[in-house]
PDB file of N, CA and C in Angstrom:
ATOM      1  N   UNK A   1      -2.513  -4.145  24.609  1.00  0.00           N
ATOM      2  CA  UNK A   1      -3.397  -3.799  23.582  1.00  0.00           C
ATOM      3  C   UNK A   1      -4.714  -3.465  24.242  1.00  0.00           C
ATOM      4  N   UNK A   2      -5.158  -2.275  24.019  1.00  0.00           N
ATOM      5  CA  UNK A   2      -6.415  -1.852  24.664  1.00  0.00           C
ATOM      6  C   UNK A   2      -7.593  -2.080  23.743  1.00  0.00           C
ATOM      7  N   UNK A   3      -8.647  -2.678  24.249  1.00  0.00           N
ATOM      8  CA  UNK A   3      -9.881  -2.921  23.528  1.00  0.00           C
ATOM      9  C   UNK A   3     -10.757  -1.654  23.709  1.00  0.00           C
ATOM     10  N   UNK A   4     -10.839  -0.845  22.637  1.00  0.00           N
ATOM     11  CA  UNK A   4     -11.572   0.407  22.729  1.00  0.00           C
ATOM     12  C   UNK A   4     -12.712   0.412  21.753  1.00  0.00           C
ATOM     13  N   UNK A   5     -13.710   1.196  22.006  1.00  0.00           N
ATOM     14  CA  UNK A   5     -14.817   1.357  21.163  1.00  0.00           C
ATOM     15  C   UNK A   5     -15.229   2.857  21.185  1.00  0.00           C
ATOM     16  N   UNK A   6     -15.530   3.405  20.105  1.00  0.00           N
ATOM     17  CA  UNK A   6     -15.980   4.812  20.053  1.00  0.00           C
ATOM     18  C   UNK A   6     -17.380   4.931  20.623  1.00  0.00           C
ATOM     19  N   UNK A   7     -17.682   6.100  21.254  1.00  0.00           N
ATOM     20  CA  UNK A   7     -18.977   6.345  21.834  1.00  0.00           C
ATOM     21  C   UNK A   7     -20.038   6.717  20.758  1.00  0.00           C
ATOM     22  N   UNK A   8     -19.581   7.234  19.653  1.00  0.00           N
ATOM     23  CA  UNK A   8     -20.425   7.667  18.557  1.00  0.00           C
ATOM     24  C   UNK A   8     -19.981   7.041  17.244  1.00  0.00           C
ATOM     25  N   UNK A   9     -20.884   6.738  16.330  1.00  0.00           N
ATOM     26  CA  UNK A   9     -20.420   6.206  14.983  1.00  0.00           C
ATOM     27  C   UNK A   9     -19.649   7.324  14.299  1.00  0.00           C
ATOM     28  N   UNK A  10     -18.844   6.822  13.309  1.00  0.00           N
ATOM     29  CA  UNK A  10     -18.081   7.786  12.451  1.00  0.00           C
ATOM     30  C   UNK A  10     -19.008   8.569  11.538  1.00  0.00           C
ATOM     31  N   UNK A  11     -18.622   9.836  11.339  1.00  0.00           N
ATOM     32  CA  UNK A  11     -19.415  10.650  10.413  1.00  0.00           C
ATOM     33  C   UNK A  11     -18.989  10.318   8.990  1.00  0.00           C
ATOM     34  N   UNK A  12     -19.920  10.154   8.075  1.00  0.00           N
ATOM     35  CA  UNK A  12     -19.571   9.710   6.726  1.00  0.00           C
ATOM     36  C   UNK A  12     -18.710  10.736   5.974  1.00  0.00           C
ATOM     37  N   UNK A  13     -17.999  10.168   4.948  1.00  0.00           N
ATOM     38  CA  UNK A  13     -17.172  11.024   4.134  1.00  0.00           C
ATOM     39  C   UNK A  13     -18.111  11.833   3.204  1.00  0.00           C
ATOM     40  N   UNK A  14     -17.752  13.117   3.060  1.00  0.00           N
ATOM     41  CA  UNK A  14     -18.501  13.958   2.178  1.00  0.00           C
ATOM     42  C   UNK A  14     -17.663  14.437   1.073  1.00  0.00           C
ATOM     43  N   UNK A  15     -18.115  15.179   0.129  1.00  0.00           N
ATOM     44  CA  UNK A  15     -17.306  15.686  -0.938  1.00  0.00           C
ATOM     45  C   UNK A  15     -16.178  16.633  -0.460  1.00  0.00           C
ATOM     46  N   UNK A  16     -16.475  17.408   0.565  1.00  0.00           N
ATOM     47  CA  UNK A  16     -15.483  18.397   0.998  1.00  0.00           C
ATOM     48  C   UNK A  16     -14.760  17.966   2.275  1.00  0.00           C
ATOM     49  N   UNK A  17     -15.093  16.835   2.851  1.00  0.00           N
ATOM     50  CA  UNK A  17     -14.491  16.474   4.103  1.00  0.00           C
ATOM     51  C   UNK A  17     -14.217  14.967   4.217  1.00  0.00           C
ATOM     52  N   UNK A  18     -13.233  14.671   4.971  1.00  0.00           N
ATOM     53  CA  UNK A  18     -12.882  13.226   5.186  1.00  0.00           C
ATOM     54  C   UNK A  18     -13.728  12.691   6.347  1.00  0.00           C
ATOM     55  N   UNK A  19     -13.661  11.350   6.510  1.00  0.00           N
ATOM     56  CA  UNK A  19     -14.414  10.791   7.607  1.00  0.00           C
ATOM     57  C   UNK A  19     -13.948  11.354   8.994  1.00  0.00           C
ATOM     58  N   UNK A  20     -14.884  11.579   9.917  1.00  0.00           N
ATOM     59  CA  UNK A  20     -14.596  12.183  11.184  1.00  0.00           C
ATOM     60  C   UNK A  20     -15.006  11.214  12.289  1.00  0.00           C
ATOM     61  N   UNK A  21     -14.236  11.161  13.358  1.00  0.00           N
ATOM     62  CA  UNK A  21     -14.514  10.361  14.538  1.00  0.00           C
ATOM     63  C   UNK A  21     -14.441  11.162  15.783  1.00  0.00           C
ATOM     64  N   UNK A  22     -15.202  10.737  16.729  1.00  0.00           N
ATOM     65  CA  UNK A  22     -15.178  11.365  18.051  1.00  0.00           C
ATOM     66  C   UNK A  22     -13.896  10.936  18.783  1.00  0.00           C
ATOM     67  N   UNK A  23     -13.417  11.783  19.628  1.00  0.00           N
ATOM     68  CA  UNK A  23     -12.208  11.358  20.423  1.00  0.00           C
ATOM     69  C   UNK A  23     -12.569  10.604  21.747  1.00  0.00           C
ATOM     70  N   UNK A  24     -13.862  10.517  21.979  1.00  0.00           N
ATOM     71  CA  UNK A  24     -14.332   9.807  23.208  1.00  0.00           C
ATOM     72  C   UNK A  24     -14.407   8.268  22.919  1.00  0.00           C
ATOM     73  N   UNK A  25     -14.037   7.498  23.901  1.00  0.00           N
ATOM     74  CA  UNK A  25     -14.061   6.051  23.732  1.00  0.00           C
ATOM     75  C   UNK A  25     -14.504   5.373  25.015  1.00  0.00           C
ATOM     76  N   UNK A  26     -14.870   4.111  24.944  1.00  0.00           N
ATOM     77  CA  UNK A  26     -15.255   3.289  26.052  1.00  0.00           C
ATOM     78  C   UNK A  26     -14.184   2.171  26.139  1.00  0.00           C
ATOM     79  N   UNK A  27     -13.648   1.924  27.296  1.00  0.00           N
ATOM     80  CA  UNK A  27     -12.702   0.850  27.430  1.00  0.00           C
ATOM     81  C   UNK A  27     -13.388  -0.442  27.702  1.00  0.00           C
ATOM     82  N   UNK A  28     -12.859  -1.518  27.011  1.00  0.00           N
ATOM     83  CA  UNK A  28     -13.497  -2.863  27.244  1.00  0.00           C
ATOM     84  C   UNK A  28     -12.397  -3.774  27.817  1.00  0.00           C
ATOM     85  N   UNK A  29     -11.377  -3.229  28.415  1.00  0.00           N
ATOM     86  CA  UNK A  29     -10.371  -4.094  29.061  1.00  0.00           C
ATOM     87  C   UNK A  29      -9.045  -4.119  28.255  1.00  0.00           C
ATOM     88  N   UNK A  30      -8.183  -4.904  28.711  1.00  0.00           N
ATOM     89  CA  UNK A  30      -6.804  -4.958  28.096  1.00  0.00           C
ATOM     90  C   UNK A  30      -6.514  -6.475  27.915  1.00  0.00           C
ATOM     91  N   UNK A  31      -5.820  -6.737  26.811  1.00  0.00           N
ATOM     92  CA  UNK A  31      -5.342  -8.101  26.602  1.00  0.00           C
ATOM     93  C   UNK A  31      -3.881  -8.003  26.091  1.00  0.00           C
ATOM     94  N   UNK A  32      -3.109  -9.035  26.210  1.00  0.00           N
ATOM     95  CA  UNK A  32      -1.753  -9.060  25.816  1.00  0.00           C
ATOM     96  C   UNK A  32      -1.637  -9.991  24.685  1.00  0.00           C
ATOM     97  N   UNK A  33      -1.046  -9.527  23.568  1.00  0.00           N
ATOM     98  CA  UNK A  33      -0.931 -10.313  22.367  1.00  0.00           C
ATOM     99  C   UNK A  33       0.565 -10.651  22.118  1.00  0.00           C
ATOM    100  N   UNK A  34       0.877 -11.956  22.006  1.00  0.00           N
ATOM    101  CA  UNK A  34       2.136 -12.391  21.572  1.00  0.00           C
ATOM    102  C   UNK A  34       1.966 -12.903  20.154  1.00  0.00           C
ATOM    103  N   UNK A  35       2.819 -12.419  19.214  1.00  0.00           N
ATOM    104  CA  UNK A  35       2.666 -12.801  17.828  1.00  0.00           C
ATOM    105  C   UNK A  35       4.018 -13.069  17.195  1.00  0.00           C
ATOM    106  N   UNK A  36       3.998 -13.997  16.267  1.00  0.00           N
ATOM    107  CA  UNK A  36       5.171 -14.359  15.530  1.00  0.00           C
ATOM    108  C   UNK A  36       4.778 -14.537  13.992  1.00  0.00           C
ATOM    109  N   UNK A  37       5.714 -14.120  13.147  1.00  0.00           N
ATOM    110  CA  UNK A  37       5.513 -14.223  11.650  1.00  0.00           C
ATOM    111  C   UNK A  37       6.562 -15.208  11.165  1.00  0.00           C
ATOM    112  N   UNK A  38       6.096 -16.257  10.478  1.00  0.00           N
ATOM    113  CA  UNK A  38       6.989 -17.140   9.794  1.00  0.00           C
ATOM    114  C   UNK A  38       7.166 -16.580   8.415  1.00  0.00           C
ATOM    115  N   UNK A  39       8.267 -15.883   8.079  1.00  0.00           N
ATOM    116  CA  UNK A  39       8.423 -15.229   6.825  1.00  0.00           C
ATOM    117  C   UNK A  39       8.579 -16.198   5.651  1.00  0.00           C
ATOM    118  N   UNK A  40       8.920 -17.486   5.876  1.00  0.00           N
ATOM    119  CA  UNK A  40       9.031 -18.446   4.818  1.00  0.00           C
ATOM    120  C   UNK A  40       7.641 -18.860   4.277  1.00  0.00           C
ATOM    121  N   UNK A  41       6.653 -18.870   5.190  1.00  0.00           N
ATOM    122  CA  UNK A  41       5.341 -19.345   4.792  1.00  0.00           C
ATOM    123  C   UNK A  41       4.242 -18.190   4.754  1.00  0.00           C
ATOM    124  N   UNK A  42       4.529 -17.115   5.504  1.00  0.00           N
ATOM    125  CA  UNK A  42       3.640 -16.031   5.637  1.00  0.00           C
ATOM    126  C   UNK A  42       2.617 -16.333   6.762  1.00  0.00           C
ATOM    127  N   UNK A  43       2.797 -17.411   7.529  1.00  0.00           N
ATOM    128  CA  UNK A  43       1.856 -17.784   8.570  1.00  0.00           C
ATOM    129  C   UNK A  43       2.133 -16.886   9.804  1.00  0.00           C
ATOM    130  N   UNK A  44       1.012 -16.458  10.404  1.00  0.00           N
ATOM    131  CA  UNK A  44       1.107 -15.668  11.613  1.00  0.00           C
ATOM    132  C   UNK A  44       0.671 -16.537  12.796  1.00  0.00           C
ATOM    133  N   UNK A  45       1.458 -16.616  13.809  1.00  0.00           N
ATOM    134  CA  UNK A  45       1.124 -17.332  15.024  1.00  0.00           C
ATOM    135  C   UNK A  45       0.841 -16.357  16.118  1.00  0.00           C
ATOM    136  N   UNK A  46      -0.203 -16.554  16.833  1.00  0.00           N
ATOM    137  CA  UNK A  46      -0.460 -15.583  17.849  1.00  0.00           C
ATOM    138  C   UNK A  46      -1.243 -16.178  18.995  1.00  0.00           C
ATOM    139  N   UNK A  47      -1.086 -15.552  20.192  1.00  0.00           N
ATOM    140  CA  UNK A  47      -1.835 -15.955  21.416  1.00  0.00           C
ATOM    141  C   UNK A  47      -2.190 -14.729  22.183  1.00  0.00           C
ATOM    142  N   UNK A  48      -3.305 -14.739  22.792  1.00  0.00           N
ATOM    143  CA  UNK A  48      -3.670 -13.685  23.769  1.00  0.00           C
ATOM    144  C   UNK A  48      -3.493 -14.230  25.134  1.00  0.00           C
ATOM    145  N   UNK A  49      -2.942 -13.430  26.036  1.00  0.00           N
ATOM    146  CA  UNK A  49      -2.772 -13.854  27.381  1.00  0.00           C
ATOM    147  C   UNK A  49      -3.270 -12.732  28.389  1.00  0.00           C
ATOM    148  N   UNK A  50      -3.806 -13.133  29.475  1.00  0.00           N
ATOM    149  CA  UNK A  50      -4.339 -12.087  30.383  1.00  0.00           C
ATOM    150  C   UNK A  50      -3.249 -11.281  31.029  1.00  0.00           C
ATOM    151  N   UNK A  51      -2.072 -11.815  31.161  1.00  0.00           N
ATOM    152  CA  UNK A  51      -0.953 -11.061  31.812  1.00  0.00           C
ATOM    153  C   UNK A  51       0.300 -11.199  30.903  1.00  0.00           C
ATOM    154  N   UNK A  52       1.147 -10.173  31.024  1.00  0.00           N
ATOM    155  CA  UNK A  52       2.384 -10.157  30.250  1.00  0.00           C
ATOM    156  C   UNK A  52       3.538 -10.365  31.230  1.00  0.00           C
ATOM    157  N   UNK A  53       4.038 -11.588  31.226  1.00  0.00           N
ATOM    158  CA  UNK A  53       5.186 -11.842  32.091  1.00  0.00           C
ATOM    159  C   UNK A  53       6.170 -12.828  31.397  1.00  0.00           C
ATOM    160  N   UNK A  54       7.255 -13.048  32.065  1.00  0.00           N
ATOM    161  CA  UNK A  54       8.256 -13.914  31.478  1.00  0.00           C
ATOM    162  C   UNK A  54       7.806 -15.329  31.280  1.00  0.00           C
ATOM    163  N   UNK A  55       7.028 -15.900  32.133  1.00  0.00           N
ATOM    164  CA  UNK A  55       6.588 -17.227  32.051  1.00  0.00           C
ATOM    165  C   UNK A  55       5.627 -17.440  30.782  1.00  0.00           C
ATOM    166  N   UNK A  56       4.698 -16.480  30.645  1.00  0.00           N
ATOM    167  CA  UNK A  56       3.803 -16.545  29.477  1.00  0.00           C
ATOM    168  C   UNK A  56       4.566 -16.359  28.170  1.00  0.00           C
ATOM    169  N   UNK A  57       5.512 -15.416  28.161  1.00  0.00           N
ATOM    170  CA  UNK A  57       6.275 -15.161  26.941  1.00  0.00           C
ATOM    171  C   UNK A  57       7.096 -16.406  26.564  1.00  0.00           C
ATOM    172  N   UNK A  58       7.773 -17.005  27.543  1.00  0.00           N
ATOM    173  CA  UNK A  58       8.594 -18.191  27.292  1.00  0.00           C
ATOM    174  C   UNK A  58       7.735 -19.315  26.815  1.00  0.00           C
ATOM    175  N   UNK A  59       6.540 -19.529  27.378  1.00  0.00           N
ATOM    176  CA  UNK A  59       5.646 -20.600  26.917  1.00  0.00           C
ATOM    177  C   UNK A  59       5.243 -20.397  25.450  1.00  0.00           C
ATOM    178  N   UNK A  60       4.975 -19.136  25.094  1.00  0.00           N
ATOM    179  CA  UNK A  60       4.632 -18.812  23.666  1.00  0.00           C
ATOM    180  C   UNK A  60       5.815 -19.077  22.781  1.00  0.00           C
ATOM    181  N   UNK A  61       6.985 -18.694  23.195  1.00  0.00           N
ATOM    182  CA  UNK A  61       8.212 -18.852  22.378  1.00  0.00           C
ATOM    183  C   UNK A  61       8.493 -20.323  22.128  1.00  0.00           C
ATOM    184  N   UNK A  62       8.392 -21.116  23.215  1.00  0.00           N
ATOM    185  CA  UNK A  62       8.632 -22.573  23.075  1.00  0.00           C
ATOM    186  C   UNK A  62       7.663 -23.248  22.113  1.00  0.00           C
ATOM    187  N   UNK A  63       6.406 -22.831  22.190  1.00  0.00           N
ATOM    188  CA  UNK A  63       5.387 -23.347  21.337  1.00  0.00           C
ATOM    189  C   UNK A  63       5.612 -22.982  19.883  1.00  0.00           C
ATOM    190  N   UNK A  64       6.057 -21.727  19.701  1.00  0.00           N
ATOM    191  CA  UNK A  64       6.351 -21.188  18.369  1.00  0.00           C
ATOM    192  C   UNK A  64       7.543 -21.933  17.712  1.00  0.00           C
ATOM    193  N   UNK A  65       8.609 -22.103  18.524  1.00  0.00           N
ATOM    194  CA  UNK A  65       9.732 -22.854  17.956  1.00  0.00           C
ATOM    195  C   UNK A  65       9.414 -24.304  17.546  1.00  0.00           C
ATOM    196  N   UNK A  66       8.575 -24.956  18.353  1.00  0.00           N
ATOM    197  CA  UNK A  66       8.170 -26.271  17.977  1.00  0.00           C
ATOM    198  C   UNK A  66       7.346 -26.297  16.692  1.00  0.00           C
ATOM    199  N   UNK A  67       6.580 -25.247  16.466  1.00  0.00           N
ATOM    200  CA  UNK A  67       5.716 -25.150  15.304  1.00  0.00           C
ATOM    201  C   UNK A  67       6.513 -24.880  14.062  1.00  0.00           C
ATOM    202  N   UNK A  68       7.507 -23.983  14.134  1.00  0.00           N
ATOM    203  CA  UNK A  68       8.237 -23.541  12.957  1.00  0.00           C
ATOM    204  C   UNK A  68       9.160 -24.607  12.382  1.00  0.00           C
ATOM    205  N   UNK A  69       9.839 -25.327  13.224  1.00  0.00           N
ATOM    206  CA  UNK A  69      10.786 -26.411  12.766  1.00  0.00           C
ATOM    207  C   UNK A  69      11.681 -25.989  11.650  1.00  0.00           C
ATOM    208  N   UNK A  70      12.708 -25.237  11.948  1.00  0.00           N
ATOM    209  CA  UNK A  70      13.599 -24.774  10.839  1.00  0.00           C
ATOM    210  C   UNK A  70      14.377 -25.938  10.274  1.00  0.00           C
ATOM    211  N   UNK A  71      14.854 -25.743   8.986  1.00  0.00           N
ATOM    212  CA  UNK A  71      15.685 -26.741   8.302  1.00  0.00           C
ATOM    213  C   UNK A  71      17.050 -26.798   9.024  1.00  0.00           C
ATOM    214  N   UNK A  72      17.791 -27.840   8.802  1.00  0.00           N
ATOM    215  CA  UNK A  72      19.094 -28.021   9.400  1.00  0.00           C
ATOM    216  C   UNK A  72      19.988 -26.779   9.090  1.00  0.00           C
ATOM    217  N   UNK A  73      20.576 -26.310  10.055  1.00  0.00           N
ATOM    218  CA  UNK A  73      21.546 -25.183   9.883  1.00  0.00           C
ATOM    219  C   UNK A  73      20.873 -23.809   9.886  1.00  0.00           C
ATOM    220  N   UNK A  74      19.543 -23.754   9.818  1.00  0.00           N
ATOM    221  CA  UNK A  74      18.850 -22.455   9.844  1.00  0.00           C
ATOM    222  C   UNK A  74      18.554 -22.001  11.237  1.00  0.00           C
ATOM    223  N   UNK A  75      18.516 -20.718  11.447  1.00  0.00           N
ATOM    224  CA  UNK A  75      18.247 -20.174  12.741  1.00  0.00           C
ATOM    225  C   UNK A  75      16.845 -19.487  12.754  1.00  0.00           C
ATOM    226  N   UNK A  76      16.299 -19.306  13.927  1.00  0.00           N
ATOM    227  CA  UNK A  76      15.065 -18.556  14.099  1.00  0.00           C
ATOM    228  C   UNK A  76      15.418 -17.241  14.657  1.00  0.00           C
ATOM    229  N   UNK A  77      15.044 -16.210  13.981  1.00  0.00           N
ATOM    230  CA  UNK A  77      15.380 -14.839  14.409  1.00  0.00           C
ATOM    231  C   UNK A  77      14.196 -14.309  15.227  1.00  0.00           C
ATOM    232  N   UNK A  78      14.484 -13.829  16.414  1.00  0.00           N
ATOM    233  CA  UNK A  78      13.453 -13.268  17.266  1.00  0.00           C
ATOM    234  C   UNK A  78      13.764 -11.765  17.415  1.00  0.00           C
ATOM    235  N   UNK A  79      12.779 -10.927  17.191  1.00  0.00           N
ATOM    236  CA  UNK A  79      12.898  -9.517  17.321  1.00  0.00           C
ATOM    237  C   UNK A  79      12.055  -9.140  18.605  1.00  0.00           C
ATOM    238  N   UNK A  80      12.715  -8.515  19.622  1.00  0.00           N
ATOM    239  CA  UNK A  80      12.060  -8.195  20.817  1.00  0.00           C
ATOM    240  C   UNK A  80      12.041  -6.680  21.012  1.00  0.00           C
ATOM    241  N   UNK A  81      10.986  -6.150  21.625  1.00  0.00           N
ATOM    242  CA  UNK A  81      10.977  -4.750  21.910  1.00  0.00           C
ATOM    243  C   UNK A  81      11.646  -4.551  23.313  1.00  0.00           C
ATOM    244  N   UNK A  82      11.507  -3.450  23.868  1.00  0.00           N
ATOM    245  CA  UNK A  82      12.178  -3.236  25.101  1.00  0.00           C
ATOM    246  C   UNK A  82      11.393  -3.427  26.411  1.00  0.00           C
ATOM    247  N   UNK A  83      10.546  -4.434  26.385  1.00  0.00           N
ATOM    248  CA  UNK A  83       9.925  -4.810  27.621  1.00  0.00           C
ATOM    249  C   UNK A  83      10.832  -5.834  28.356  1.00  0.00           C
ATOM    250  N   UNK A  84      10.747  -5.877  29.596  1.00  0.00           N
ATOM    251  CA  UNK A  84      11.689  -6.625  30.458  1.00  0.00           C
ATOM    252  C   UNK A  84      11.380  -8.139  30.553  1.00  0.00           C
ATOM    253  N   UNK A  85      10.240  -8.645  29.975  1.00  0.00           N
ATOM    254  CA  UNK A  85       9.881 -10.036  30.155  1.00  0.00           C
ATOM    255  C   UNK A  85      10.881 -11.018  29.524  1.00  0.00           C
ATOM    256  N   UNK A  86      11.699 -10.535  28.572  1.00  0.00           N
ATOM    257  CA  UNK A  86      12.705 -11.370  27.963  1.00  0.00           C
ATOM    258  C   UNK A  86      14.027 -11.304  28.626  1.00  0.00           C
ATOM    259  N   UNK A  87      14.061 -10.650  29.825  1.00  0.00           N
ATOM    260  CA  UNK A  87      15.323 -10.583  30.575  1.00  0.00           C
ATOM    261  C   UNK A  87      15.307 -11.459  31.815  1.00  0.00           C
ATOM    262  N   UNK A  88      14.315 -12.270  31.994  1.00  0.00           N
ATOM    263  CA  UNK A  88      14.189 -13.126  33.152  1.00  0.00           C
ATOM    264  C   UNK A  88      15.282 -14.217  33.124  1.00  0.00           C
ATOM    265  N   UNK A  89      15.698 -14.741  34.282  1.00  0.00           N
ATOM    266  CA  UNK A  89      16.691 -15.816  34.290  1.00  0.00           C
ATOM    267  C   UNK A  89      16.234 -17.080  33.531  1.00  0.00           C
ATOM    268  N   UNK A  90      14.927 -17.392  33.646  1.00  0.00           N
ATOM    269  CA  UNK A  90      14.375 -18.546  32.885  1.00  0.00           C
ATOM    270  C   UNK A  90      14.560 -18.391  31.411  1.00  0.00           C
ATOM    271  N   UNK A  91      14.236 -17.207  30.897  1.00  0.00           N
ATOM    272  CA  UNK A  91      14.396 -16.956  29.510  1.00  0.00           C
ATOM    273  C   UNK A  91      15.809 -17.020  29.047  1.00  0.00           C
ATOM    274  N   UNK A  92      16.684 -16.410  29.769  1.00  0.00           N
ATOM    275  CA  UNK A  92      18.108 -16.454  29.419  1.00  0.00           C
ATOM    276  C   UNK A  92      18.690 -17.877  29.419  1.00  0.00           C
ATOM    277  N   UNK A  93      18.256 -18.668  30.439  1.00  0.00           N
ATOM    278  CA  UNK A  93      18.706 -20.034  30.505  1.00  0.00           C
ATOM    279  C   UNK A  93      18.143 -20.865  29.260  1.00  0.00           C
ATOM    280  N   UNK A  94      16.940 -20.584  28.872  1.00  0.00           N
ATOM    281  CA  UNK A  94      16.345 -21.283  27.762  1.00  0.00           C
ATOM    282  C   UNK A  94      17.172 -20.923  26.472  1.00  0.00           C
ATOM    283  N   UNK A  95      17.530 -19.598  26.334  1.00  0.00           N
ATOM    284  CA  UNK A  95      18.316 -19.183  25.198  1.00  0.00           C
ATOM    285  C   UNK A  95      19.618 -19.871  25.093  1.00  0.00           C
ATOM    286  N   UNK A  96      20.264 -20.112  26.213  1.00  0.00           N
ATOM    287  CA  UNK A  96      21.590 -20.766  26.242  1.00  0.00           C
ATOM    288  C   UNK A  96      21.435 -22.186  25.704  1.00  0.00           C
ATOM    289  N   UNK A  97      20.327 -22.862  26.147  1.00  0.00           N
ATOM    290  CA  UNK A  97      20.055 -24.238  25.685  1.00  0.00           C
ATOM    291  C   UNK A  97      19.575 -24.313  24.235  1.00  0.00           C
ATOM    292  N   UNK A  98      19.136 -23.210  23.666  1.00  0.00           N
ATOM    293  CA  UNK A  98      18.550 -23.197  22.317  1.00  0.00           C
ATOM    294  C   UNK A  98      19.281 -22.134  21.560  1.00  0.00           C
ATOM    295  N   UNK A  99      20.525 -22.262  21.135  1.00  0.00           N
ATOM    296  CA  UNK A  99      21.279 -21.246  20.460  1.00  0.00           C
ATOM    297  C   UNK A  99      20.834 -20.958  19.079  1.00  0.00           C
ATOM    298  N   UNK A 100      19.952 -21.821  18.477  1.00  0.00           N
ATOM    299  CA  UNK A 100      19.452 -21.584  17.106  1.00  0.00           C
ATOM    300  C   UNK A 100      18.345 -20.540  17.115  1.00  0.00           C
ATOM    301  N   UNK A 101      17.969 -20.029  18.260  1.00  0.00           N
ATOM    302  CA  UNK A 101      16.955 -18.979  18.335  1.00  0.00           C
ATOM    303  C   UNK A 101      17.616 -17.681  18.513  1.00  0.00           C
TER     304      UNK A 101
END
């Protein structure tokens, strides 16, 4: 996730035109966001991390699973995109030990 800011303020909406913005921006760095949605409660869990790697992702997932506490027999569904941090041996070993995820 890039932290960007425009170099100029947006031009206001007029009767004949929509809001206009400049294409130029200033970079303020990058942060990595891990987020989870508990669809039963609507609660969003999130953490920012300086780096995106398997260890940080696994730590977030472990913390999330402890927070959610599903009812007996219920599973936690995890939707992952195609980044490779969930293909590490540590992550795969954790999944084997936690089949409810």
